[in-house]
Amino acid sequence: PDPGDEFDHAGDYWRWKDKDKLPDHLSARPLFTMGSNATISFGIVIVHHSVPLAIALENMWQAEAEAKEHKYIDQTGKEQAKDAVQVRVIYGNGNILKATSKFDVFAQWQQLVNLDIDIANTDRPALFEQAAKVWDQHPVPVYEAIDAWCVAFCDRREKLNDDNKDKFRNALTQFIEALWIKTKKDKRDEEIKNWLKLAAFILRKRDIKIKLQEI
């Protein structure tokens, strides 16, 4: 990504556009990149402190492998693989929450989680927990019903005022639509539910108190 549009991206090399204002840390020569066809996939593991390190590492490698294997069929019927991330949460009781998506969908999830809405921090996790529960009980049958589902869900949330309701609904709709498109049919409901659960987990405040032993 080049958010400042400061480079010429022609070919598989990047060149600084304004040669008269070349930053000190950059060379004037073309900068070699991995190329436009390069892919990257990785796993993220969040582990309870009681889980053995060996299990944490094994899950990290598995998460990376499953991210690389993530595929979906695009609108042209072509299979699209890799360029994905899998996040795993390993709880103290051994349960594991897994959520996998393409990077652009992951970015939309991040925007949804960090959405600037006027709602107490203590109420934000519950919002996503409720969404996951409702989706589990009443998933939409077709893509076209996603917007209506989000409207109905937000209309029943008393913690959301009118401005927050529209903002949250739009972000939620965009995320679910993107995840729906870039997830295989047999995995859609599970992934949508798990990403919503993961949002609740990330937002929920957790204080870890460390007892210091006096010497």
N, C-alpha and C. Protein backbone atom coordinates (compact mmCIF):
# COMPACT_ATOMS: atom_id res chain seq x y z
N PRO A 1 0.82 -1.21 0.00
CA PRO A 1 0.00 0.00 0.00
C PRO A 1 0.85 1.26 0.00
N ASP A 2 0.41 2.24 -0.71
CA ASP A 2 1.11 3.52 -0.79
C ASP A 2 0.10 4.62 -0.51
N PRO A 3 -0.28 4.80 0.76
CA PRO A 3 -1.36 5.75 1.08
C PRO A 3 -1.07 7.18 0.68
N GLY A 4 0.22 7.54 0.65
CA GLY A 4 0.58 8.91 0.28
C GLY A 4 0.81 9.09 -1.21
N ASP A 5 0.67 8.02 -1.99
CA ASP A 5 0.90 8.05 -3.43
C ASP A 5 2.25 8.71 -3.73
N GLU A 6 3.29 8.23 -3.05
CA GLU A 6 4.62 8.83 -3.16
C GLU A 6 5.55 8.06 -4.09
N PHE A 7 5.10 6.87 -4.52
CA PHE A 7 5.96 6.03 -5.34
C PHE A 7 5.34 5.76 -6.71
N ASP A 8 6.21 5.54 -7.67
CA ASP A 8 5.80 5.04 -8.97
C ASP A 8 5.86 3.52 -8.89
N HIS A 9 4.73 2.85 -9.12
CA HIS A 9 4.64 1.41 -8.90
C HIS A 9 4.82 0.59 -10.18
N ALA A 10 5.26 1.20 -11.25
CA ALA A 10 5.34 0.49 -12.53
C ALA A 10 6.25 -0.73 -12.42
N GLY A 11 5.77 -1.85 -12.92
CA GLY A 11 6.55 -3.08 -12.85
C GLY A 11 6.63 -3.60 -11.43
N ASP A 12 7.65 -4.36 -11.15
CA ASP A 12 7.84 -4.91 -9.81
C ASP A 12 8.85 -4.09 -9.00
N TYR A 13 9.01 -2.84 -9.37
CA TYR A 13 9.91 -1.94 -8.66
C TYR A 13 9.14 -0.70 -8.22
N TRP A 14 9.56 -0.13 -7.10
CA TRP A 14 9.00 1.15 -6.64
C TRP A 14 10.07 2.22 -6.78
N ARG A 15 9.65 3.38 -7.28
CA ARG A 15 10.56 4.51 -7.44
C ARG A 15 9.93 5.74 -6.80
N TRP A 16 10.73 6.48 -6.05
CA TRP A 16 10.24 7.71 -5.42
C TRP A 16 9.93 8.74 -6.50
N LYS A 17 8.73 9.29 -6.48
CA LYS A 17 8.29 10.18 -7.56
C LYS A 17 9.06 11.50 -7.57
N ASP A 18 9.13 12.18 -6.45
CA ASP A 18 9.77 13.50 -6.39
C ASP A 18 11.25 13.33 -6.05
N LYS A 19 12.09 13.24 -7.07
CA LYS A 19 13.51 12.99 -6.85
C LYS A 19 14.20 14.14 -6.12
N ASP A 20 13.63 15.34 -6.20
CA ASP A 20 14.24 16.49 -5.53
C ASP A 20 13.99 16.47 -4.02
N LYS A 21 13.03 15.66 -3.59
CA LYS A 21 12.70 15.57 -2.16
C LYS A 21 12.84 14.14 -1.66
N LEU A 22 13.89 13.49 -2.10
CA LEU A 22 14.12 12.10 -1.72
C LEU A 22 14.49 12.02 -0.23
N PRO A 23 13.75 11.25 0.57
CA PRO A 23 14.08 11.10 1.99
C PRO A 23 15.48 10.52 2.18
N ASP A 24 16.12 10.88 3.27
CA ASP A 24 17.49 10.44 3.53
C ASP A 24 17.60 8.93 3.64
N HIS A 25 16.54 8.27 4.11
CA HIS A 25 16.63 6.83 4.34
C HIS A 25 16.31 6.01 3.09
N LEU A 26 16.03 6.68 1.96
CA LEU A 26 15.73 5.96 0.73
C LEU A 26 16.82 6.17 -0.31
N SER A 27 17.00 5.16 -1.14
CA SER A 27 17.96 5.25 -2.24
C SER A 27 17.26 5.73 -3.50
N ALA A 28 17.99 6.40 -4.36
CA ALA A 28 17.41 6.89 -5.61
C ALA A 28 17.18 5.76 -6.61
N ARG A 29 17.83 4.64 -6.40
CA ARG A 29 17.67 3.51 -7.32
C ARG A 29 16.29 2.88 -7.16
N PRO A 30 15.81 2.16 -8.17
CA PRO A 30 14.53 1.46 -8.05
C PRO A 30 14.57 0.45 -6.90
N LEU A 31 13.49 0.39 -6.15
CA LEU A 31 13.42 -0.51 -5.00
C LEU A 31 12.71 -1.79 -5.41
N PHE A 32 13.41 -2.90 -5.28
CA PHE A 32 12.85 -4.18 -5.68
C PHE A 32 11.79 -4.63 -4.66
N THR A 33 10.69 -5.16 -5.16
CA THR A 33 9.63 -5.67 -4.30
C THR A 33 9.38 -7.14 -4.63
N MET A 34 8.49 -7.76 -3.88
CA MET A 34 8.16 -9.17 -4.12
C MET A 34 7.31 -9.33 -5.38
N GLY A 35 6.80 -8.23 -5.90
CA GLY A 35 6.02 -8.30 -7.13
C GLY A 35 4.53 -8.30 -6.88
N SER A 36 3.80 -7.99 -7.93
CA SER A 36 2.34 -7.85 -7.80
C SER A 36 1.65 -9.19 -7.56
N ASN A 37 2.33 -10.29 -7.85
CA ASN A 37 1.72 -11.61 -7.67
C ASN A 37 2.09 -12.26 -6.33
N ALA A 38 2.82 -11.53 -5.49
CA ALA A 38 3.22 -12.09 -4.20
C ALA A 38 2.01 -12.24 -3.28
N THR A 39 2.04 -13.25 -2.44
CA THR A 39 0.97 -13.48 -1.47
C THR A 39 1.58 -13.62 -0.08
N ILE A 40 0.75 -13.42 0.92
CA ILE A 40 1.20 -13.61 2.29
C ILE A 40 0.02 -14.08 3.13
N SER A 41 0.28 -15.01 4.00
CA SER A 41 -0.73 -15.50 4.93
C SER A 41 -0.06 -15.74 6.28
N PHE A 42 -0.79 -15.51 7.35
CA PHE A 42 -0.21 -15.77 8.66
C PHE A 42 -1.29 -16.05 9.69
N GLY A 43 -0.85 -16.57 10.83
CA GLY A 43 -1.76 -16.87 11.91
C GLY A 43 -1.45 -16.04 13.14
N ILE A 44 -2.48 -15.72 13.89
CA ILE A 44 -2.35 -14.99 15.15
C ILE A 44 -2.99 -15.85 16.24
N VAL A 45 -2.26 -16.05 17.33
CA VAL A 45 -2.78 -16.88 18.41
C VAL A 45 -2.76 -16.09 19.72
N ILE A 46 -3.91 -16.04 20.37
CA ILE A 46 -4.05 -15.40 21.69
C ILE A 46 -4.32 -16.53 22.69
N VAL A 47 -3.43 -16.67 23.65
CA VAL A 47 -3.44 -17.87 24.50
C VAL A 47 -3.56 -17.50 25.98
N HIS A 48 -4.39 -18.25 26.69
CA HIS A 48 -4.47 -18.09 28.14
C HIS A 48 -3.15 -18.51 28.77
N HIS A 49 -2.76 -17.82 29.84
CA HIS A 49 -1.44 -18.06 30.43
C HIS A 49 -1.26 -19.48 30.96
N SER A 50 -2.34 -20.20 31.19
CA SER A 50 -2.23 -21.56 31.72
C SER A 50 -1.97 -22.61 30.63
N VAL A 51 -2.08 -22.20 29.38
CA VAL A 51 -1.88 -23.14 28.26
C VAL A 51 -0.39 -23.36 28.05
N PRO A 52 0.06 -24.61 27.96
CA PRO A 52 1.50 -24.89 27.75
C PRO A 52 2.02 -24.25 26.46
N LEU A 53 3.26 -23.83 26.50
CA LEU A 53 3.87 -23.17 25.35
C LEU A 53 3.86 -24.06 24.11
N ALA A 54 4.08 -25.35 24.29
CA ALA A 54 4.11 -26.27 23.15
C ALA A 54 2.77 -26.27 22.41
N ILE A 55 1.68 -26.23 23.16
CA ILE A 55 0.35 -26.21 22.54
C ILE A 55 0.12 -24.88 21.83
N ALA A 56 0.59 -23.80 22.44
CA ALA A 56 0.45 -22.48 21.81
C ALA A 56 1.20 -22.43 20.48
N LEU A 57 2.43 -22.94 20.46
CA LEU A 57 3.23 -22.93 19.24
C LEU A 57 2.62 -23.83 18.17
N GLU A 58 2.12 -24.98 18.58
CA GLU A 58 1.49 -25.89 17.62
C GLU A 58 0.28 -25.22 16.96
N ASN A 59 -0.51 -24.53 17.76
CA ASN A 59 -1.68 -23.84 17.22
C ASN A 59 -1.28 -22.67 16.32
N MET A 60 -0.18 -22.02 16.64
CA MET A 60 0.29 -20.93 15.79
C MET A 60 0.66 -21.45 14.40
N TRP A 61 1.36 -22.58 14.36
CA TRP A 61 1.74 -23.16 13.07
C TRP A 61 0.51 -23.65 12.31
N GLN A 62 -0.44 -24.23 13.04
CA GLN A 62 -1.67 -24.70 12.40
C GLN A 62 -2.47 -23.52 11.84
N ALA A 63 -2.50 -22.43 12.59
CA ALA A 63 -3.23 -21.24 12.14
C ALA A 63 -2.62 -20.69 10.85
N GLU A 64 -1.30 -20.67 10.79
CA GLU A 64 -0.64 -20.20 9.57
C GLU A 64 -0.95 -21.12 8.39
N ALA A 65 -0.90 -22.43 8.64
CA ALA A 65 -1.17 -23.40 7.57
C ALA A 65 -2.60 -23.28 7.06
N GLU A 66 -3.56 -23.13 7.97
CA GLU A 66 -4.95 -23.02 7.55
C GLU A 66 -5.24 -21.69 6.86
N ALA A 67 -4.50 -20.65 7.24
CA ALA A 67 -4.65 -19.37 6.54
C ALA A 67 -4.18 -19.51 5.09
N LYS A 68 -3.09 -20.24 4.88
CA LYS A 68 -2.59 -20.46 3.52
C LYS A 68 -3.56 -21.30 2.69
N GLU A 69 -4.31 -22.15 3.37
CA GLU A 69 -5.25 -23.03 2.67
C GLU A 69 -6.60 -22.37 2.44
N HIS A 70 -6.80 -21.18 2.98
CA HIS A 70 -8.10 -20.51 2.86
C HIS A 70 -8.40 -20.19 1.40
N LYS A 71 -9.57 -20.61 0.93
CA LYS A 71 -9.95 -20.42 -0.47
C LYS A 71 -11.41 -20.00 -0.56
N TYR A 72 -11.72 -19.34 -1.65
CA TYR A 72 -13.12 -19.05 -1.98
C TYR A 72 -13.24 -18.97 -3.50
N ILE A 73 -14.44 -19.09 -4.00
CA ILE A 73 -14.69 -19.02 -5.44
C ILE A 73 -15.19 -17.62 -5.78
N ASP A 74 -14.47 -16.91 -6.65
CA ASP A 74 -14.88 -15.55 -6.98
C ASP A 74 -16.02 -15.55 -7.99
N GLN A 75 -16.44 -14.37 -8.41
CA GLN A 75 -17.60 -14.24 -9.30
C GLN A 75 -17.36 -14.83 -10.68
N THR A 76 -16.10 -15.01 -11.05
CA THR A 76 -15.79 -15.60 -12.35
C THR A 76 -15.67 -17.11 -12.27
N GLY A 77 -15.84 -17.65 -11.06
CA GLY A 77 -15.72 -19.09 -10.87
C GLY A 77 -14.30 -19.55 -10.61
N LYS A 78 -13.38 -18.61 -10.45
CA LYS A 78 -11.98 -18.94 -10.20
C LYS A 78 -11.72 -19.06 -8.71
N GLU A 79 -10.92 -20.04 -8.35
CA GLU A 79 -10.58 -20.25 -6.94
C GLU A 79 -9.48 -19.28 -6.51
N GLN A 80 -9.74 -18.56 -5.43
CA GLN A 80 -8.77 -17.60 -4.90
C GLN A 80 -8.23 -18.13 -3.58
N ALA A 81 -6.90 -18.28 -3.52
CA ALA A 81 -6.28 -18.86 -2.33
C ALA A 81 -5.31 -17.87 -1.68
N LYS A 82 -4.91 -18.20 -0.47
CA LYS A 82 -3.90 -17.46 0.30
C LYS A 82 -4.34 -16.02 0.58
N ASP A 83 -3.36 -15.15 0.91
CA ASP A 83 -3.64 -13.77 1.30
C ASP A 83 -4.71 -13.72 2.40
N ALA A 84 -4.50 -14.54 3.42
CA ALA A 84 -5.51 -14.66 4.47
C ALA A 84 -4.84 -14.67 5.85
N VAL A 85 -5.66 -14.48 6.86
CA VAL A 85 -5.20 -14.51 8.24
C VAL A 85 -6.17 -15.37 9.05
N GLN A 86 -5.62 -16.15 9.96
CA GLN A 86 -6.46 -16.89 10.90
C GLN A 86 -6.08 -16.46 12.32
N VAL A 87 -7.10 -16.11 13.09
CA VAL A 87 -6.90 -15.73 14.49
C VAL A 87 -7.47 -16.84 15.36
N ARG A 88 -6.69 -17.28 16.33
CA ARG A 88 -7.15 -18.30 17.27
C ARG A 88 -7.08 -17.76 18.69
N VAL A 89 -8.10 -18.06 19.46
CA VAL A 89 -8.09 -17.76 20.89
C VAL A 89 -8.16 -19.10 21.61
N ILE A 90 -7.17 -19.37 22.45
CA ILE A 90 -7.16 -20.62 23.22
C ILE A 90 -7.47 -20.26 24.67
N TYR A 91 -8.61 -20.71 25.14
CA TYR A 91 -9.06 -20.39 26.49
C TYR A 91 -8.41 -21.32 27.51
N GLY A 92 -8.52 -20.94 28.75
CA GLY A 92 -7.92 -21.73 29.82
C GLY A 92 -8.52 -23.12 29.94
N ASN A 93 -9.78 -23.28 29.52
CA ASN A 93 -10.43 -24.60 29.61
C ASN A 93 -10.13 -25.49 28.41
N GLY A 94 -9.32 -24.97 27.48
CA GLY A 94 -8.94 -25.77 26.32
C GLY A 94 -9.75 -25.49 25.07
N ASN A 95 -10.86 -24.78 25.20
CA ASN A 95 -11.67 -24.45 24.02
C ASN A 95 -10.90 -23.50 23.11
N ILE A 96 -11.15 -23.62 21.82
CA ILE A 96 -10.46 -22.79 20.83
C ILE A 96 -11.47 -22.10 19.93
N LEU A 97 -11.31 -20.79 19.79
CA LEU A 97 -12.11 -20.01 18.85
C LEU A 97 -11.25 -19.70 17.64
N LYS A 98 -11.73 -20.05 16.45
CA LYS A 98 -10.97 -19.82 15.22
C LYS A 98 -11.77 -18.94 14.27
N ALA A 99 -11.11 -17.95 13.69
CA ALA A 99 -11.74 -17.08 12.69
C ALA A 99 -10.75 -16.84 11.57
N THR A 100 -11.19 -17.07 10.32
CA THR A 100 -10.30 -16.97 9.17
C THR A 100 -10.93 -16.10 8.09
N SER A 101 -10.13 -15.25 7.47
CA SER A 101 -10.64 -14.41 6.38
C SER A 101 -9.50 -13.89 5.53
N LYS A 102 -9.86 -13.31 4.39
CA LYS A 102 -8.88 -12.61 3.57
C LYS A 102 -8.49 -11.31 4.27
N PHE A 103 -7.34 -10.76 3.87
CA PHE A 103 -6.81 -9.58 4.55
C PHE A 103 -7.73 -8.36 4.42
N ASP A 104 -8.34 -8.17 3.26
CA ASP A 104 -9.21 -7.01 3.10
C ASP A 104 -10.45 -7.12 3.99
N VAL A 105 -10.93 -8.34 4.18
CA VAL A 105 -12.07 -8.55 5.09
C VAL A 105 -11.63 -8.34 6.53
N PHE A 106 -10.43 -8.80 6.85
CA PHE A 106 -9.87 -8.59 8.19
C PHE A 106 -9.77 -7.10 8.50
N ALA A 107 -9.39 -6.31 7.51
CA ALA A 107 -9.29 -4.86 7.69
C ALA A 107 -10.66 -4.25 7.99
N GLN A 108 -11.70 -4.76 7.33
CA GLN A 108 -13.05 -4.27 7.60
C GLN A 108 -13.52 -4.67 8.99
N TRP A 109 -13.12 -5.85 9.42
CA TRP A 109 -13.44 -6.28 10.79
C TRP A 109 -12.78 -5.36 11.80
N GLN A 110 -11.52 -4.98 11.55
CA GLN A 110 -10.82 -4.07 12.45
C GLN A 110 -11.54 -2.72 12.53
N GLN A 111 -12.00 -2.23 11.39
CA GLN A 111 -12.74 -0.97 11.37
C GLN A 111 -14.04 -1.08 12.16
N LEU A 112 -14.69 -2.22 12.05
CA LEU A 112 -15.93 -2.44 12.80
C LEU A 112 -15.67 -2.46 14.30
N VAL A 113 -14.62 -3.15 14.71
CA VAL A 113 -14.28 -3.25 16.13
C VAL A 113 -13.90 -1.88 16.70
N ASN A 114 -13.19 -1.09 15.91
CA ASN A 114 -12.71 0.22 16.37
C ASN A 114 -13.65 1.36 16.00
N LEU A 115 -14.86 1.04 15.61
CA LEU A 115 -15.81 2.05 15.16
C LEU A 115 -16.06 3.09 16.26
N ASP A 116 -16.04 4.34 15.85
CA ASP A 116 -16.24 5.45 16.80
C ASP A 116 -17.74 5.70 16.98
N ILE A 117 -18.31 5.05 17.97
CA ILE A 117 -19.73 5.25 18.28
C ILE A 117 -19.87 5.58 19.76
N ASP A 118 -20.91 6.32 20.07
CA ASP A 118 -21.14 6.79 21.44
C ASP A 118 -21.86 5.71 22.23
N ILE A 119 -21.08 4.78 22.74
CA ILE A 119 -21.63 3.69 23.54
C ILE A 119 -20.58 3.30 24.57
N ALA A 120 -21.00 2.98 25.77
CA ALA A 120 -20.07 2.66 26.84
C ALA A 120 -19.21 1.46 26.46
N ASN A 121 -17.94 1.52 26.85
CA ASN A 121 -17.02 0.42 26.53
C ASN A 121 -17.50 -0.91 27.09
N THR A 122 -18.19 -0.85 28.22
CA THR A 122 -18.69 -2.09 28.83
C THR A 122 -19.83 -2.70 28.03
N ASP A 123 -20.49 -1.90 27.20
CA ASP A 123 -21.62 -2.40 26.41
C ASP A 123 -21.20 -2.89 25.02
N ARG A 124 -20.02 -2.51 24.59
CA ARG A 124 -19.59 -2.86 23.23
C ARG A 124 -19.42 -4.37 23.03
N PRO A 125 -18.77 -5.08 23.97
CA PRO A 125 -18.64 -6.53 23.76
C PRO A 125 -19.99 -7.23 23.66
N ALA A 126 -20.94 -6.80 24.49
CA ALA A 126 -22.27 -7.42 24.48
C ALA A 126 -22.96 -7.26 23.13
N LEU A 127 -22.68 -6.16 22.47
CA LEU A 127 -23.28 -5.89 21.16
C LEU A 127 -22.88 -6.98 20.16
N PHE A 128 -21.60 -7.34 20.19
CA PHE A 128 -21.10 -8.37 19.26
C PHE A 128 -21.51 -9.77 19.71
N GLU A 129 -21.57 -9.98 21.02
CA GLU A 129 -22.02 -11.28 21.52
C GLU A 129 -23.47 -11.53 21.11
N GLN A 130 -24.29 -10.49 21.20
CA GLN A 130 -25.69 -10.62 20.80
C GLN A 130 -25.80 -10.87 19.30
N ALA A 131 -24.96 -10.19 18.52
CA ALA A 131 -24.98 -10.40 17.07
C ALA A 131 -24.61 -11.83 16.72
N ALA A 132 -23.59 -12.37 17.39
CA ALA A 132 -23.18 -13.75 17.15
C ALA A 132 -24.29 -14.73 17.51
N LYS A 133 -24.96 -14.46 18.62
CA LYS A 133 -26.04 -15.34 19.08
C LYS A 133 -27.23 -15.31 18.12
N VAL A 134 -27.60 -14.10 17.69
CA VAL A 134 -28.73 -13.97 16.77
C VAL A 134 -28.40 -14.61 15.43
N TRP A 135 -27.16 -14.42 14.96
CA TRP A 135 -26.77 -15.04 13.69
C TRP A 135 -26.80 -16.57 13.80
N ASP A 136 -26.38 -17.08 14.94
CA ASP A 136 -26.39 -18.53 15.14
C ASP A 136 -27.82 -19.08 15.09
N GLN A 137 -28.76 -18.31 15.64
CA GLN A 137 -30.15 -18.75 15.68
C GLN A 137 -30.90 -18.45 14.38
N HIS A 138 -30.54 -17.32 13.75
CA HIS A 138 -31.27 -16.89 12.55
C HIS A 138 -30.30 -16.38 11.48
N PRO A 139 -29.50 -17.25 10.89
CA PRO A 139 -28.61 -16.80 9.81
C PRO A 139 -29.40 -16.47 8.55
N VAL A 140 -28.85 -15.60 7.74
CA VAL A 140 -29.57 -15.24 6.51
C VAL A 140 -29.36 -16.33 5.46
N PRO A 141 -30.36 -16.60 4.63
CA PRO A 141 -30.23 -17.65 3.62
C PRO A 141 -29.51 -17.20 2.35
N VAL A 142 -29.58 -15.88 2.06
CA VAL A 142 -28.99 -15.37 0.82
C VAL A 142 -28.28 -14.04 1.10
N TYR A 143 -27.36 -13.71 0.21
CA TYR A 143 -26.57 -12.49 0.34
C TYR A 143 -27.46 -11.25 0.42
N GLU A 144 -28.50 -11.22 -0.38
CA GLU A 144 -29.37 -10.04 -0.47
C GLU A 144 -30.09 -9.73 0.84
N ALA A 145 -30.14 -10.69 1.75
CA ALA A 145 -30.86 -10.50 3.02
C ALA A 145 -29.98 -9.94 4.13
N ILE A 146 -28.69 -9.77 3.86
CA ILE A 146 -27.76 -9.33 4.91
C ILE A 146 -28.13 -7.94 5.43
N ASP A 147 -28.40 -7.01 4.52
CA ASP A 147 -28.71 -5.65 4.95
C ASP A 147 -29.97 -5.63 5.82
N ALA A 148 -30.99 -6.36 5.42
CA ALA A 148 -32.23 -6.41 6.20
C ALA A 148 -31.98 -7.03 7.58
N TRP A 149 -31.13 -8.04 7.63
CA TRP A 149 -30.79 -8.67 8.91
C TRP A 149 -30.12 -7.66 9.83
N CYS A 150 -29.17 -6.90 9.29
CA CYS A 150 -28.45 -5.90 10.10
C CYS A 150 -29.38 -4.79 10.57
N VAL A 151 -30.31 -4.39 9.71
CA VAL A 151 -31.29 -3.36 10.10
C VAL A 151 -32.13 -3.87 11.27
N ALA A 152 -32.63 -5.09 11.15
CA ALA A 152 -33.48 -5.65 12.20
C ALA A 152 -32.70 -5.82 13.50
N PHE A 153 -31.45 -6.26 13.40
CA PHE A 153 -30.64 -6.44 14.61
C PHE A 153 -30.40 -5.12 15.31
N CYS A 154 -29.99 -4.11 14.57
CA CYS A 154 -29.67 -2.81 15.18
C CYS A 154 -30.91 -2.11 15.73
N ASP A 155 -32.04 -2.28 15.07
CA ASP A 155 -33.28 -1.65 15.54
C ASP A 155 -33.70 -2.16 16.92
N ARG A 156 -33.24 -3.34 17.28
CA ARG A 156 -33.63 -3.94 18.56
C ARG A 156 -32.58 -3.74 19.64
N ARG A 157 -31.57 -2.94 19.37
CA ARG A 157 -30.52 -2.70 20.36
C ARG A 157 -30.76 -1.35 21.02
N GLU A 158 -31.19 -1.38 22.26
CA GLU A 158 -31.53 -0.15 22.99
C GLU A 158 -30.31 0.73 23.27
N LYS A 159 -29.14 0.13 23.30
CA LYS A 159 -27.93 0.90 23.61
C LYS A 159 -27.49 1.79 22.45
N LEU A 160 -28.04 1.55 21.28
CA LEU A 160 -27.66 2.33 20.10
C LEU A 160 -28.67 3.44 19.85
N ASN A 161 -28.21 4.70 19.86
CA ASN A 161 -29.10 5.78 19.47
C ASN A 161 -29.16 5.85 17.94
N ASP A 162 -29.93 6.79 17.41
CA ASP A 162 -30.17 6.82 15.96
C ASP A 162 -28.88 6.98 15.16
N ASP A 163 -28.00 7.91 15.59
CA ASP A 163 -26.75 8.13 14.86
C ASP A 163 -25.85 6.91 14.94
N ASN A 164 -25.70 6.37 16.14
CA ASN A 164 -24.86 5.19 16.32
C ASN A 164 -25.42 4.00 15.56
N LYS A 165 -26.74 3.92 15.54
CA LYS A 165 -27.40 2.78 14.90
C LYS A 165 -27.06 2.72 13.41
N ASP A 166 -27.15 3.85 12.74
CA ASP A 166 -26.84 3.89 11.31
C ASP A 166 -25.37 3.59 11.04
N LYS A 167 -24.51 4.17 11.86
CA LYS A 167 -23.07 3.98 11.67
C LYS A 167 -22.69 2.52 11.90
N PHE A 168 -23.20 1.94 12.98
CA PHE A 168 -22.87 0.54 13.28
C PHE A 168 -23.48 -0.40 12.25
N ARG A 169 -24.71 -0.11 11.85
CA ARG A 169 -25.37 -0.97 10.86
C ARG A 169 -24.61 -0.99 9.55
N ASN A 170 -24.17 0.18 9.09
CA ASN A 170 -23.44 0.25 7.83
C ASN A 170 -22.14 -0.55 7.91
N ALA A 171 -21.40 -0.37 9.01
CA ALA A 171 -20.12 -1.08 9.15
C ALA A 171 -20.34 -2.59 9.28
N LEU A 172 -21.36 -2.97 10.03
CA LEU A 172 -21.66 -4.40 10.21
C LEU A 172 -22.09 -5.03 8.89
N THR A 173 -22.92 -4.31 8.14
CA THR A 173 -23.38 -4.82 6.84
C THR A 173 -22.21 -5.00 5.88
N GLN A 174 -21.36 -4.00 5.79
CA GLN A 174 -20.22 -4.07 4.88
C GLN A 174 -19.28 -5.23 5.23
N PHE A 175 -19.07 -5.42 6.54
CA PHE A 175 -18.19 -6.52 6.96
C PHE A 175 -18.79 -7.88 6.62
N ILE A 176 -20.05 -8.09 6.98
CA ILE A 176 -20.67 -9.39 6.73
C ILE A 176 -20.78 -9.67 5.23
N GLU A 177 -21.10 -8.65 4.45
CA GLU A 177 -21.19 -8.84 3.00
C GLU A 177 -19.83 -9.23 2.42
N ALA A 178 -18.77 -8.57 2.88
CA ALA A 178 -17.43 -8.88 2.37
C ALA A 178 -17.01 -10.29 2.78
N LEU A 179 -17.30 -10.65 4.04
CA LEU A 179 -16.94 -11.98 4.51
C LEU A 179 -17.75 -13.05 3.78
N TRP A 180 -19.00 -12.76 3.51
CA TRP A 180 -19.87 -13.70 2.78
C TRP A 180 -19.30 -13.99 1.39
N ILE A 181 -18.90 -12.94 0.69
CA ILE A 181 -18.40 -13.08 -0.68
C ILE A 181 -17.09 -13.87 -0.72
N LYS A 182 -16.22 -13.66 0.28
CA LYS A 182 -14.89 -14.24 0.23
C LYS A 182 -14.72 -15.42 1.19
N THR A 183 -15.82 -16.14 1.42
CA THR A 183 -15.78 -17.35 2.23
C THR A 183 -16.58 -18.43 1.53
N LYS A 184 -16.09 -19.65 1.58
CA LYS A 184 -16.83 -20.76 0.95
C LYS A 184 -18.19 -20.93 1.61
N LYS A 185 -19.13 -21.38 0.82
CA LYS A 185 -20.53 -21.48 1.25
C LYS A 185 -20.70 -22.27 2.54
N ASP A 186 -20.00 -23.39 2.66
CA ASP A 186 -20.18 -24.25 3.83
C ASP A 186 -19.51 -23.71 5.08
N LYS A 187 -18.75 -22.62 4.95
CA LYS A 187 -18.05 -22.03 6.10
C LYS A 187 -18.60 -20.67 6.51
N ARG A 188 -19.52 -20.12 5.72
CA ARG A 188 -19.96 -18.74 5.93
C ARG A 188 -20.54 -18.49 7.31
N ASP A 189 -21.53 -19.26 7.69
CA ASP A 189 -22.21 -19.01 8.96
C ASP A 189 -21.24 -19.14 10.14
N GLU A 190 -20.40 -20.14 10.09
CA GLU A 190 -19.43 -20.35 11.17
C GLU A 190 -18.45 -19.19 11.27
N GLU A 191 -17.94 -18.74 10.12
CA GLU A 191 -16.96 -17.66 10.13
C GLU A 191 -17.57 -16.34 10.60
N ILE A 192 -18.77 -16.04 10.13
CA ILE A 192 -19.43 -14.80 10.56
C ILE A 192 -19.64 -14.82 12.07
N LYS A 193 -20.13 -15.92 12.57
CA LYS A 193 -20.37 -16.05 14.01
C LYS A 193 -19.07 -15.94 14.79
N ASN A 194 -18.01 -16.58 14.31
CA ASN A 194 -16.74 -16.58 15.04
C ASN A 194 -16.06 -15.22 15.02
N TRP A 195 -16.15 -14.49 13.90
CA TRP A 195 -15.56 -13.15 13.87
C TRP A 195 -16.30 -12.21 14.81
N LEU A 196 -17.60 -12.38 14.93
CA LEU A 196 -18.37 -11.56 15.88
C LEU A 196 -17.99 -11.91 17.32
N LYS A 197 -17.80 -13.19 17.58
CA LYS A 197 -17.36 -13.62 18.92
C LYS A 197 -15.97 -13.09 19.22
N LEU A 198 -15.11 -13.10 18.22
CA LEU A 198 -13.75 -12.60 18.41
C LEU A 198 -13.77 -11.11 18.72
N ALA A 199 -14.65 -10.37 18.06
CA ALA A 199 -14.77 -8.93 18.34
C ALA A 199 -15.16 -8.71 19.80
N ALA A 200 -16.10 -9.50 20.28
CA ALA A 200 -16.51 -9.38 21.69
C ALA A 200 -15.35 -9.70 22.62
N PHE A 201 -14.59 -10.72 22.27
CA PHE A 201 -13.44 -11.11 23.10
C PHE A 201 -12.40 -9.99 23.15
N ILE A 202 -12.10 -9.40 22.01
CA ILE A 202 -11.09 -8.35 21.94
C ILE A 202 -11.52 -7.11 22.72
N LEU A 203 -12.80 -6.80 22.67
CA LEU A 203 -13.30 -5.58 23.31
C LEU A 203 -13.53 -5.72 24.81
N ARG A 204 -13.74 -6.95 25.25
CA ARG A 204 -14.03 -7.14 26.67
C ARG A 204 -12.80 -6.82 27.50
N LYS A 205 -12.99 -6.03 28.53
CA LYS A 205 -11.87 -5.62 29.37
C LYS A 205 -11.44 -6.78 30.25
N ARG A 206 -10.15 -7.03 30.25
CA ARG A 206 -9.60 -8.09 31.09
C ARG A 206 -8.43 -7.53 31.89
N ASP A 207 -8.54 -7.62 33.19
CA ASP A 207 -7.46 -7.18 34.07
C ASP A 207 -6.73 -8.41 34.61
N ILE A 208 -5.42 -8.45 34.41
CA ILE A 208 -4.62 -9.55 34.94
C ILE A 208 -3.83 -9.02 36.13
N LYS A 209 -4.14 -9.53 37.28
CA LYS A 209 -3.47 -9.09 38.49
C LYS A 209 -2.33 -10.05 38.83
N ILE A 210 -1.15 -9.49 38.94
CA ILE A 210 0.03 -10.29 39.24
C ILE A 210 0.39 -10.09 40.70
N LYS A 211 0.43 -11.17 41.42
CA LYS A 211 0.79 -11.10 42.83
C LYS A 211 2.31 -11.11 42.97
N LEU A 212 2.83 -10.10 43.60
CA LEU A 212 4.26 -10.00 43.81
C LEU A 212 4.61 -10.55 45.19
N GLN A 213 5.54 -11.45 45.21
CA GLN A 213 5.94 -12.06 46.47
C GLN A 213 7.05 -11.24 47.12
N GLU A 214 6.84 -10.88 48.35
CA GLU A 214 7.85 -10.10 49.06
C GLU A 214 9.06 -10.97 49.40
N ILE A 215 10.21 -10.37 49.23
CA ILE A 215 11.46 -11.10 49.54
C ILE A 215 11.98 -10.67 50.90
